[in-house]
Amino acid sequence: ELVATMDALGSTNYAVFVQGRFLISRDNTKNTVYLQMNSL
């Protein structure tokens, strides 16, 4: 199942069950995407 997405322009989308707890981000200089998960 989908958790979170980020398009090439940086727009994000989250599954309802993680909204407010998870954060997707991207560092283009490191070519890395992150998922910060809180309140697990």
PDB file of all heavy atoms in Angstrom:
ATOM      1  N   GLU A   1       0.826  -1.206   0.000  1.00  0.00           N
ATOM      2  CA  GLU A   1       0.000   0.000   0.000  1.00  0.00           C
ATOM      3  C   GLU A   1       0.856   1.249   0.000  1.00  0.00           C
ATOM      4  O   GLU A   1       1.981   1.264   0.499  1.00  0.00           O
ATOM      5  CB  GLU A   1      -0.927   0.017   1.230  1.00  0.00           C
ATOM      6  CG  GLU A   1      -0.220  -0.001   2.565  1.00  0.00           C
ATOM      7  CD  GLU A   1      -1.182  -0.092   3.743  1.00  0.00           C
ATOM      8  OE1 GLU A   1      -2.421  -0.116   3.528  1.00  0.00           O
ATOM      9  OE2 GLU A   1      -0.702  -0.140   4.889  1.00  0.00           O
ATOM     10  N   LEU A   2       0.278   2.295  -0.547  1.00  0.00           N
ATOM     11  CA  LEU A   2       0.965   3.586  -0.606  1.00  0.00           C
ATOM     12  C   LEU A   2       1.030   4.208   0.777  1.00  0.00           C
ATOM     13  O   LEU A   2       0.044   4.191   1.515  1.00  0.00           O
ATOM     14  CB  LEU A   2       0.226   4.513  -1.565  1.00  0.00           C
ATOM     15  CG  LEU A   2       0.775   5.918  -1.791  1.00  0.00           C
ATOM     16  CD1 LEU A   2       0.418   6.365  -3.209  1.00  0.00           C
ATOM     17  CD2 LEU A   2       0.232   6.919  -0.794  1.00  0.00           C
ATOM     18  N   VAL A   3       2.177   4.768   1.097  1.00  0.00           N
ATOM     19  CA  VAL A   3       2.355   5.500   2.355  1.00  0.00           C
ATOM     20  C   VAL A   3       2.450   6.998   2.071  1.00  0.00           C
ATOM     21  O   VAL A   3       1.711   7.804   2.642  1.00  0.00           O
ATOM     22  CB  VAL A   3       3.609   5.018   3.101  1.00  0.00           C
ATOM     23  CG1 VAL A   3       3.847   5.871   4.354  1.00  0.00           C
ATOM     24  CG2 VAL A   3       3.496   3.547   3.462  1.00  0.00           C
ATOM     25  N   ALA A   4       3.366   7.386   1.196  1.00  0.00           N
ATOM     26  CA  ALA A   4       3.570   8.802   0.897  1.00  0.00           C
ATOM     27  C   ALA A   4       4.265   8.928  -0.446  1.00  0.00           C
ATOM     28  O   ALA A   4       5.067   8.061  -0.820  1.00  0.00           O
ATOM     29  CB  ALA A   4       4.411   9.472   1.986  1.00  0.00           C
ATOM     30  N   THR A   5       3.948   9.993  -1.156  1.00  0.00           N
ATOM     31  CA  THR A   5       4.608  10.259  -2.435  1.00  0.00           C
ATOM     32  C   THR A   5       5.026  11.718  -2.528  1.00  0.00           C
ATOM     33  O   THR A   5       4.481  12.585  -1.852  1.00  0.00           O
ATOM     34  CB  THR A   5       3.692   9.941  -3.633  1.00  0.00           C
ATOM     35  OG1 THR A   5       2.533  10.781  -3.566  1.00  0.00           O
ATOM     36  CG2 THR A   5       3.288   8.481  -3.648  1.00  0.00           C
ATOM     37  N   MET A   6       6.008  11.947  -3.379  1.00  0.00           N
ATOM     38  CA  MET A   6       6.447  13.297  -3.693  1.00  0.00           C
ATOM     39  C   MET A   6       6.724  13.340  -5.184  1.00  0.00           C
ATOM     40  O   MET A   6       7.494  12.518  -5.693  1.00  0.00           O
ATOM     41  CB  MET A   6       7.707  13.670  -2.905  1.00  0.00           C
ATOM     42  CG  MET A   6       8.285  15.024  -3.270  1.00  0.00           C
ATOM     43  SD  MET A   6       9.772  15.442  -2.332  1.00  0.00           S
ATOM     44  CE  MET A   6       9.024  15.937  -0.781  1.00  0.00           C
ATOM     45  N   ASP A   7       6.105  14.286  -5.890  1.00  0.00           N
ATOM     46  CA  ASP A   7       6.371  14.358  -7.318  1.00  0.00           C
ATOM     47  C   ASP A   7       7.656  15.136  -7.574  1.00  0.00           C
ATOM     48  O   ASP A   7       8.313  15.611  -6.654  1.00  0.00           O
ATOM     49  CB  ASP A   7       5.174  14.936  -8.071  1.00  0.00           C
ATOM     50  CG  ASP A   7       4.912  16.399  -7.782  1.00  0.00           C
ATOM     51  OD1 ASP A   7       5.808  17.095  -7.265  1.00  0.00           O
ATOM     52  OD2 ASP A   7       3.786  16.858  -8.078  1.00  0.00           O
ATOM     53  N   ALA A   8       8.024  15.231  -8.858  1.00  0.00           N
ATOM     54  CA  ALA A   8       9.300  15.853  -9.213  1.00  0.00           C
ATOM     55  C   ALA A   8       9.365  17.318  -8.792  1.00  0.00           C
ATOM     56  O   ALA A   8      10.453  17.863  -8.574  1.00  0.00           O
ATOM     57  CB  ALA A   8       9.551  15.719 -10.711  1.00  0.00           C
ATOM     58  N   LEU A   9       8.199  17.942  -8.666  1.00  0.00           N
ATOM     59  CA  LEU A   9       8.170  19.356  -8.268  1.00  0.00           C
ATOM     60  C   LEU A   9       8.117  19.531  -6.752  1.00  0.00           C
ATOM     61  O   LEU A   9       8.179  20.663  -6.266  1.00  0.00           O
ATOM     62  CB  LEU A   9       6.963  20.050  -8.902  1.00  0.00           C
ATOM     63  CG  LEU A   9       6.961  20.095 -10.424  1.00  0.00           C
ATOM     64  CD1 LEU A   9       5.694  20.780 -10.933  1.00  0.00           C
ATOM     65  CD2 LEU A   9       8.200  20.796 -10.953  1.00  0.00           C
ATOM     66  N   GLY A  10       7.980  18.417  -6.023  1.00  0.00           N
ATOM     67  CA  GLY A  10       7.991  18.504  -4.574  1.00  0.00           C
ATOM     68  C   GLY A  10       6.629  18.446  -3.903  1.00  0.00           C
ATOM     69  O   GLY A  10       6.550  18.522  -2.670  1.00  0.00           O
ATOM     70  N   SER A  11       5.580  18.289  -4.676  1.00  0.00           N
ATOM     71  CA  SER A  11       4.247  18.157  -4.073  1.00  0.00           C
ATOM     72  C   SER A  11       4.118  16.790  -3.431  1.00  0.00           C
ATOM     73  O   SER A  11       4.560  15.789  -3.997  1.00  0.00           O
ATOM     74  CB  SER A  11       3.167  18.340  -5.136  1.00  0.00           C
ATOM     75  OG  SER A  11       3.186  19.655  -5.640  1.00  0.00           O
ATOM     76  N   THR A  12       3.500  16.761  -2.263  1.00  0.00           N
ATOM     77  CA  THR A  12       3.422  15.522  -1.485  1.00  0.00           C
ATOM     78  C   THR A  12       1.986  15.042  -1.325  1.00  0.00           C
ATOM     79  O   THR A  12       1.027  15.819  -1.431  1.00  0.00           O
ATOM     80  CB  THR A  12       4.038  15.709  -0.093  1.00  0.00           C
ATOM     81  OG1 THR A  12       3.341  16.762   0.586  1.00  0.00           O
ATOM     82  CG2 THR A  12       5.511  16.061  -0.188  1.00  0.00           C
ATOM     83  N   ASN A  13       1.890  13.757  -1.067  1.00  0.00           N
ATOM     84  CA  ASN A  13       0.591  13.122  -0.834  1.00  0.00           C
ATOM     85  C   ASN A  13       0.809  12.023   0.201  1.00  0.00           C
ATOM     86  O   ASN A  13       1.832  11.323   0.157  1.00  0.00           O
ATOM     87  CB  ASN A  13       0.058  12.529  -2.135  1.00  0.00           C
ATOM     88  CG  ASN A  13      -1.283  11.854  -1.948  1.00  0.00           C
ATOM     89  OD1 ASN A  13      -2.220  12.461  -1.456  1.00  0.00           O
ATOM     90  ND2 ASN A  13      -1.377  10.594  -2.322  1.00  0.00           N
ATOM     91  N   TYR A  14      -0.149  11.900   1.122  1.00  0.00           N
ATOM     92  CA  TYR A  14      -0.008  10.921   2.200  1.00  0.00           C
ATOM     93  C   TYR A  14      -1.253  10.060   2.307  1.00  0.00           C
ATOM     94  O   TYR A  14      -2.379  10.528   2.095  1.00  0.00           O
ATOM     95  CB  TYR A  14       0.215  11.621   3.542  1.00  0.00           C
ATOM     96  CG  TYR A  14       1.504  12.391   3.628  1.00  0.00           C
ATOM     97  CD1 TYR A  14       1.570  13.721   3.247  1.00  0.00           C
ATOM     98  CD2 TYR A  14       2.669  11.765   4.077  1.00  0.00           C
ATOM     99  CE1 TYR A  14       2.756  14.426   3.315  1.00  0.00           C
ATOM    100  CE2 TYR A  14       3.857  12.461   4.155  1.00  0.00           C
ATOM    101  CZ  TYR A  14       3.893  13.794   3.770  1.00  0.00           C
ATOM    102  OH  TYR A  14       5.082  14.482   3.845  1.00  0.00           O
ATOM    103  N   ALA A  15      -1.034   8.819   2.689  1.00  0.00           N
ATOM    104  CA  ALA A  15      -2.163   7.972   3.040  1.00  0.00           C
ATOM    105  C   ALA A  15      -2.803   8.526   4.308  1.00  0.00           C
ATOM    106  O   ALA A  15      -2.119   9.094   5.173  1.00  0.00           O
ATOM    107  CB  ALA A  15      -1.693   6.541   3.279  1.00  0.00           C
ATOM    108  N   VAL A  16      -4.100   8.339   4.413  1.00  0.00           N
ATOM    109  CA  VAL A  16      -4.823   8.894   5.558  1.00  0.00           C
ATOM    110  C   VAL A  16      -4.257   8.376   6.880  1.00  0.00           C
ATOM    111  O   VAL A  16      -4.138   9.126   7.858  1.00  0.00           O
ATOM    112  CB  VAL A  16      -6.320   8.548   5.444  1.00  0.00           C
ATOM    113  CG1 VAL A  16      -7.060   8.912   6.730  1.00  0.00           C
ATOM    114  CG2 VAL A  16      -6.940   9.260   4.252  1.00  0.00           C
ATOM    115  N   PHE A  17      -3.848   7.123   6.881  1.00  0.00           N
ATOM    116  CA  PHE A  17      -3.422   6.527   8.143  1.00  0.00           C
ATOM    117  C   PHE A  17      -2.058   7.003   8.627  1.00  0.00           C
ATOM    118  O   PHE A  17      -1.644   6.661   9.732  1.00  0.00           O
ATOM    119  CB  PHE A  17      -3.450   4.987   8.055  1.00  0.00           C
ATOM    120  CG  PHE A  17      -2.692   4.418   6.895  1.00  0.00           C
ATOM    121  CD1 PHE A  17      -1.308   4.316   6.916  1.00  0.00           C
ATOM    122  CD2 PHE A  17      -3.357   3.980   5.758  1.00  0.00           C
ATOM    123  CE1 PHE A  17      -0.609   3.798   5.846  1.00  0.00           C
ATOM    124  CE2 PHE A  17      -2.672   3.457   4.675  1.00  0.00           C
ATOM    125  CZ  PHE A  17      -1.293   3.364   4.717  1.00  0.00           C
ATOM    126  N   VAL A  18      -1.352   7.815   7.838  1.00  0.00           N
ATOM    127  CA  VAL A  18      -0.066   8.362   8.295  1.00  0.00           C
ATOM    128  C   VAL A  18      -0.049   9.883   8.354  1.00  0.00           C
ATOM    129  O   VAL A  18       0.943  10.475   8.786  1.00  0.00           O
ATOM    130  CB  VAL A  18       1.126   7.872   7.443  1.00  0.00           C
ATOM    131  CG1 VAL A  18       1.192   6.356   7.438  1.00  0.00           C
ATOM    132  CG2 VAL A  18       1.073   8.448   6.033  1.00  0.00           C
ATOM    133  N   GLN A  19      -1.128  10.508   7.928  1.00  0.00           N
ATOM    134  CA  GLN A  19      -1.161  11.974   7.942  1.00  0.00           C
ATOM    135  C   GLN A  19      -0.925  12.509   9.352  1.00  0.00           C
ATOM    136  O   GLN A  19      -1.516  12.050  10.304  1.00  0.00           O
ATOM    137  CB  GLN A  19      -2.496  12.467   7.396  1.00  0.00           C
ATOM    138  CG  GLN A  19      -2.608  12.337   5.890  1.00  0.00           C
ATOM    139  CD  GLN A  19      -3.910  12.867   5.339  1.00  0.00           C
ATOM    140  OE1 GLN A  19      -4.805  13.240   6.095  1.00  0.00           O
ATOM    141  NE2 GLN A  19      -4.030  12.904   4.034  1.00  0.00           N
ATOM    142  N   GLY A  20      -0.026  13.473   9.412  1.00  0.00           N
ATOM    143  CA  GLY A  20       0.308  14.086  10.686  1.00  0.00           C
ATOM    144  C   GLY A  20       1.384  13.351  11.467  1.00  0.00           C
ATOM    145  O   GLY A  20       1.878  13.864  12.471  1.00  0.00           O
ATOM    146  N   ARG A  21       1.745  12.140  11.008  1.00  0.00           N
ATOM    147  CA  ARG A  21       2.777  11.367  11.701  1.00  0.00           C
ATOM    148  C   ARG A  21       4.029  11.169  10.855  1.00  0.00           C
ATOM    149  O   ARG A  21       5.137  11.120  11.394  1.00  0.00           O
ATOM    150  CB  ARG A  21       2.221   9.991  12.103  1.00  0.00           C
ATOM    151  CG  ARG A  21       1.029  10.041  13.026  1.00  0.00           C
ATOM    152  CD  ARG A  21       0.674   8.664  13.559  1.00  0.00           C
ATOM    153  NE  ARG A  21       0.298   7.726  12.491  1.00  0.00           N
ATOM    154  CZ  ARG A  21       0.869   6.538  12.309  1.00  0.00           C
ATOM    155  NH1 ARG A  21       1.851   6.142  13.089  1.00  0.00           N
ATOM    156  NH2 ARG A  21       0.457   5.739  11.328  1.00  0.00           N
ATOM    157  N   PHE A  22       3.875  11.014   9.550  1.00  0.00           N
ATOM    158  CA  PHE A  22       4.991  10.740   8.651  1.00  0.00           C
ATOM    159  C   PHE A  22       5.253  11.952   7.766  1.00  0.00           C
ATOM    160  O   PHE A  22       4.330  12.699   7.424  1.00  0.00           O
ATOM    161  CB  PHE A  22       4.681   9.541   7.751  1.00  0.00           C
ATOM    162  CG  PHE A  22       4.609   8.202   8.446  1.00  0.00           C
ATOM    163  CD1 PHE A  22       4.619   8.093   9.827  1.00  0.00           C
ATOM    164  CD2 PHE A  22       4.533   7.052   7.692  1.00  0.00           C
ATOM    165  CE1 PHE A  22       4.561   6.861  10.458  1.00  0.00           C
ATOM    166  CE2 PHE A  22       4.469   5.808   8.296  1.00  0.00           C
ATOM    167  CZ  PHE A  22       4.475   5.713   9.681  1.00  0.00           C
ATOM    168  N   LEU A  23       6.509  12.091   7.365  1.00  0.00           N
ATOM    169  CA  LEU A  23       6.897  13.185   6.479  1.00  0.00           C
ATOM    170  C   LEU A  23       7.870  12.671   5.438  1.00  0.00           C
ATOM    171  O   LEU A  23       8.917  12.122   5.785  1.00  0.00           O
ATOM    172  CB  LEU A  23       7.534  14.317   7.285  1.00  0.00           C
ATOM    173  CG  LEU A  23       8.002  15.523   6.477  1.00  0.00           C
ATOM    174  CD1 LEU A  23       6.790  16.271   5.928  1.00  0.00           C
ATOM    175  CD2 LEU A  23       8.854  16.455   7.336  1.00  0.00           C
ATOM    176  N   ILE A  24       7.537  12.874   4.167  1.00  0.00           N
ATOM    177  CA  ILE A  24       8.431  12.504   3.078  1.00  0.00           C
ATOM    178  C   ILE A  24       9.229  13.735   2.659  1.00  0.00           C
ATOM    179  O   ILE A  24       8.700  14.847   2.616  1.00  0.00           O
ATOM    180  CB  ILE A  24       7.659  11.914   1.879  1.00  0.00           C
ATOM    181  CG1 ILE A  24       8.628  11.384   0.814  1.00  0.00           C
ATOM    182  CG2 ILE A  24       6.681  12.914   1.299  1.00  0.00           C
ATOM    183  CD1 ILE A  24       7.936  10.596  -0.298  1.00  0.00           C
ATOM    184  N   SER A  25      10.506  13.535   2.412  1.00  0.00           N
ATOM    185  CA  SER A  25      11.350  14.638   1.960  1.00  0.00           C
ATOM    186  C   SER A  25      12.402  14.098   1.004  1.00  0.00           C
ATOM    187  O   SER A  25      12.585  12.887   0.877  1.00  0.00           O
ATOM    188  CB  SER A  25      11.997  15.346   3.150  1.00  0.00           C
ATOM    189  OG  SER A  25      12.843  14.458   3.869  1.00  0.00           O
ATOM    190  N   ARG A  26      13.084  15.028   0.346  1.00  0.00           N
ATOM    191  CA  ARG A  26      14.068  14.629  -0.663  1.00  0.00           C
ATOM    192  C   ARG A  26      15.240  15.583  -0.614  1.00  0.00           C
ATOM    193  O   ARG A  26      15.061  16.794  -0.485  1.00  0.00           O
ATOM    194  CB  ARG A  26      13.427  14.647  -2.057  1.00  0.00           C
ATOM    195  CG  ARG A  26      14.298  14.141  -3.176  1.00  0.00           C
ATOM    196  CD  ARG A  26      13.502  14.129  -4.490  1.00  0.00           C
ATOM    197  NE  ARG A  26      13.209  15.478  -4.938  1.00  0.00           N
ATOM    198  CZ  ARG A  26      12.058  15.820  -5.536  1.00  0.00           C
ATOM    199  NH1 ARG A  26      11.114  14.918  -5.740  1.00  0.00           N
ATOM    200  NH2 ARG A  26      11.863  17.062  -5.931  1.00  0.00           N
ATOM    201  N   ASP A  27      16.432  15.037  -0.718  1.00  0.00           N
ATOM    202  CA  ASP A  27      17.656  15.840  -0.814  1.00  0.00           C
ATOM    203  C   ASP A  27      18.271  15.560  -2.176  1.00  0.00           C
ATOM    204  O   ASP A  27      18.879  14.507  -2.389  1.00  0.00           O
ATOM    205  CB  ASP A  27      18.620  15.467   0.313  1.00  0.00           C
ATOM    206  CG  ASP A  27      19.843  16.369   0.345  1.00  0.00           C
ATOM    207  OD1 ASP A  27      20.189  16.969  -0.700  1.00  0.00           O
ATOM    208  OD2 ASP A  27      20.484  16.455   1.405  1.00  0.00           O
ATOM    209  N   ASN A  28      18.081  16.479  -3.100  1.00  0.00           N
ATOM    210  CA  ASN A  28      18.576  16.256  -4.466  1.00  0.00           C
ATOM    211  C   ASN A  28      20.100  16.206  -4.529  1.00  0.00           C
ATOM    212  O   ASN A  28      20.657  15.544  -5.400  1.00  0.00           O
ATOM    213  CB  ASN A  28      18.044  17.341  -5.390  1.00  0.00           C
ATOM    214  CG  ASN A  28      16.549  17.235  -5.612  1.00  0.00           C
ATOM    215  OD1 ASN A  28      15.958  16.163  -5.470  1.00  0.00           O
ATOM    216  ND2 ASN A  28      15.917  18.350  -5.954  1.00  0.00           N
ATOM    217  N   THR A  29      20.766  16.892  -3.620  1.00  0.00           N
ATOM    218  CA  THR A  29      22.237  16.880  -3.639  1.00  0.00           C
ATOM    219  C   THR A  29      22.777  15.504  -3.256  1.00  0.00           C
ATOM    220  O   THR A  29      23.861  15.122  -3.674  1.00  0.00           O
ATOM    221  CB  THR A  29      22.807  17.934  -2.691  1.00  0.00           C
ATOM    222  OG1 THR A  29      22.450  17.605  -1.345  1.00  0.00           O
ATOM    223  CG2 THR A  29      22.275  19.319  -3.032  1.00  0.00           C
ATOM    224  N   LYS A  30      22.007  14.770  -2.459  1.00  0.00           N
ATOM    225  CA  LYS A  30      22.412  13.419  -2.056  1.00  0.00           C
ATOM    226  C   LYS A  30      21.666  12.349  -2.841  1.00  0.00           C
ATOM    227  O   LYS A  30      21.910  11.154  -2.648  1.00  0.00           O
ATOM    228  CB  LYS A  30      22.170  13.223  -0.558  1.00  0.00           C
ATOM    229  CG  LYS A  30      23.010  14.139   0.316  1.00  0.00           C
ATOM    230  CD  LYS A  30      22.754  13.860   1.797  1.00  0.00           C
ATOM    231  CE  LYS A  30      23.620  14.755   2.660  1.00  0.00           C
ATOM    232  NZ  LYS A  30      23.379  14.519   4.112  1.00  0.00           N
ATOM    233  N   ASN A  31      20.750  12.786  -3.694  1.00  0.00           N
ATOM    234  CA  ASN A  31      19.935  11.857  -4.475  1.00  0.00           C
ATOM    235  C   ASN A  31      19.273  10.820  -3.561  1.00  0.00           C
ATOM    236  O   ASN A  31      19.302   9.609  -3.824  1.00  0.00           O
ATOM    237  CB  ASN A  31      20.766  11.155  -5.549  1.00  0.00           C
ATOM    238  CG  ASN A  31      19.948  10.789  -6.769  1.00  0.00           C
ATOM    239  OD1 ASN A  31      18.888  11.363  -7.030  1.00  0.00           O
ATOM    240  ND2 ASN A  31      20.425   9.821  -7.520  1.00  0.00           N
ATOM    241  N   THR A  32      18.691  11.323  -2.494  1.00  0.00           N
ATOM    242  CA  THR A  32      18.115  10.474  -1.445  1.00  0.00           C
ATOM    243  C   THR A  32      16.738  10.995  -1.057  1.00  0.00           C
ATOM    244  O   THR A  32      16.533  12.208  -0.959  1.00  0.00           O
ATOM    245  CB  THR A  32      19.038  10.442  -0.214  1.00  0.00           C
ATOM    246  OG1 THR A  32      20.311   9.910  -0.597  1.00  0.00           O
ATOM    247  CG2 THR A  32      18.456   9.572   0.890  1.00  0.00           C
ATOM    248  N   VAL A  33      15.838  10.049  -0.830  1.00  0.00           N
ATOM    249  CA  VAL A  33      14.506  10.359  -0.329  1.00  0.00           C
ATOM    250  C   VAL A  33      14.382   9.803   1.079  1.00  0.00           C
ATOM    251  O   VAL A  33      14.913   8.726   1.369  1.00  0.00           O
ATOM    252  CB  VAL A  33      13.433   9.744  -1.241  1.00  0.00           C
ATOM    253  CG1 VAL A  33      12.036   9.944  -0.659  1.00  0.00           C
ATOM    254  CG2 VAL A  33      13.498  10.357  -2.619  1.00  0.00           C
ATOM    255  N   TYR A  34      13.684  10.530   1.921  1.00  0.00           N
ATOM    256  CA  TYR A  34      13.548  10.145   3.321  1.00  0.00           C
ATOM    257  C   TYR A  34      12.078   9.974   3.694  1.00  0.00           C
ATOM    258  O   TYR A  34      11.188  10.559   3.076  1.00  0.00           O
ATOM    259  CB  TYR A  34      14.156  11.221   4.226  1.00  0.00           C
ATOM    260  CG  TYR A  34      15.599  11.518   3.936  1.00  0.00           C
ATOM    261  CD1 TYR A  34      15.963  12.587   3.128  1.00  0.00           C
ATOM    262  CD2 TYR A  34      16.609  10.727   4.477  1.00  0.00           C
ATOM    263  CE1 TYR A  34      17.292  12.868   2.857  1.00  0.00           C
ATOM    264  CE2 TYR A  34      17.941  11.000   4.217  1.00  0.00           C
ATOM    265  CZ  TYR A  34      18.271  12.071   3.411  1.00  0.00           C
ATOM    266  OH  TYR A  34      19.592  12.334   3.147  1.00  0.00           O
ATOM    267  N   LEU A  35      11.861   9.187   4.713  1.00  0.00           N
ATOM    268  CA  LEU A  35      10.549   9.092   5.323  1.00  0.00           C
ATOM    269  C   LEU A  35      10.749   9.185   6.833  1.00  0.00           C
ATOM    270  O   LEU A  35      11.263   8.247   7.449  1.00  0.00           O
ATOM    271  CB  LEU A  35       9.843   7.785   4.959  1.00  0.00           C
ATOM    272  CG  LEU A  35       8.405   7.671   5.490  1.00  0.00           C
ATOM    273  CD1 LEU A  35       7.500   8.668   4.761  1.00  0.00           C
ATOM    274  CD2 LEU A  35       7.871   6.246   5.309  1.00  0.00           C
ATOM    275  N   GLN A  36      10.380  10.309   7.387  1.00  0.00           N
ATOM    276  CA  GLN A  36      10.421  10.485   8.835  1.00  0.00           C
ATOM    277  C   GLN A  36       9.119   9.955   9.408  1.00  0.00           C
ATOM    278  O   GLN A  36       8.039  10.407   9.025  1.00  0.00           O
ATOM    279  CB  GLN A  36      10.585  11.960   9.190  1.00  0.00           C
ATOM    280  CG  GLN A  36      10.574  12.247  10.682  1.00  0.00           C
ATOM    281  CD  GLN A  36      11.776  11.652  11.393  1.00  0.00           C
ATOM    282  OE1 GLN A  36      12.907  11.738  10.919  1.00  0.00           O
ATOM    283  NE2 GLN A  36      11.545  11.046  12.556  1.00  0.00           N
ATOM    284  N   MET A  37       9.231   8.998  10.305  1.00  0.00           N
ATOM    285  CA  MET A  37       8.050   8.350  10.876  1.00  0.00           C
ATOM    286  C   MET A  37       8.028   8.610  12.374  1.00  0.00           C
ATOM    287  O   MET A  37       8.945   8.202  13.090  1.00  0.00           O
ATOM    288  CB  MET A  37       8.087   6.849  10.587  1.00  0.00           C
ATOM    289  CG  MET A  37       8.241   6.504   9.119  1.00  0.00           C
ATOM    290  SD  MET A  37       8.065   4.740   8.781  1.00  0.00           S
ATOM    291  CE  MET A  37       9.481   4.103   9.660  1.00  0.00           C
ATOM    292  N   ASN A  38       7.001   9.272  12.829  1.00  0.00           N
ATOM    293  CA  ASN A  38       6.832   9.593  14.244  1.00  0.00           C
ATOM    294  C   ASN A  38       5.575   8.926  14.776  1.00  0.00           C
ATOM    295  O   ASN A  38       4.706   8.512  14.017  1.00  0.00           O
ATOM    296  CB  ASN A  38       6.743  11.103  14.426  1.00  0.00           C
ATOM    297  CG  ASN A  38       7.972  11.835  13.929  1.00  0.00           C
ATOM    298  OD1 ASN A  38       9.103  11.370  14.093  1.00  0.00           O
ATOM    299  ND2 ASN A  38       7.767  12.988  13.310  1.00  0.00           N
ATOM    300  N   SER A  39       5.483   8.864  16.087  1.00  0.00           N
ATOM    301  CA  SER A  39       4.302   8.285  16.746  1.00  0.00           C
ATOM    302  C   SER A  39       3.947   6.931  16.157  1.00  0.00           C
ATOM    303  O   SER A  39       2.791   6.662  15.818  1.00  0.00           O
ATOM    304  CB  SER A  39       3.109   9.249  16.628  1.00  0.00           C
ATOM    305  OG  SER A  39       3.420  10.510  17.197  1.00  0.00           O
ATOM    306  N   LEU A  40       4.934   6.095  16.035  1.00  0.00           N
ATOM    307  CA  LEU A  40       4.733   4.801  15.387  1.00  0.00           C
ATOM    308  C   LEU A  40       3.802   3.911  16.201  1.00  0.00           C
ATOM    309  O   LEU A  40       3.799   3.934  17.435  1.00  0.00           O
ATOM    310  CB  LEU A  40       6.072   4.118  15.160  1.00  0.00           C
ATOM    311  CG  LEU A  40       6.861   4.683  13.975  1.00  0.00           C
ATOM    312  CD1 LEU A  40       8.324   4.308  14.061  1.00  0.00           C
ATOM    313  CD2 LEU A  40       6.266   4.194  12.663  1.00  0.00           C
TER     314      LEU A  40
END
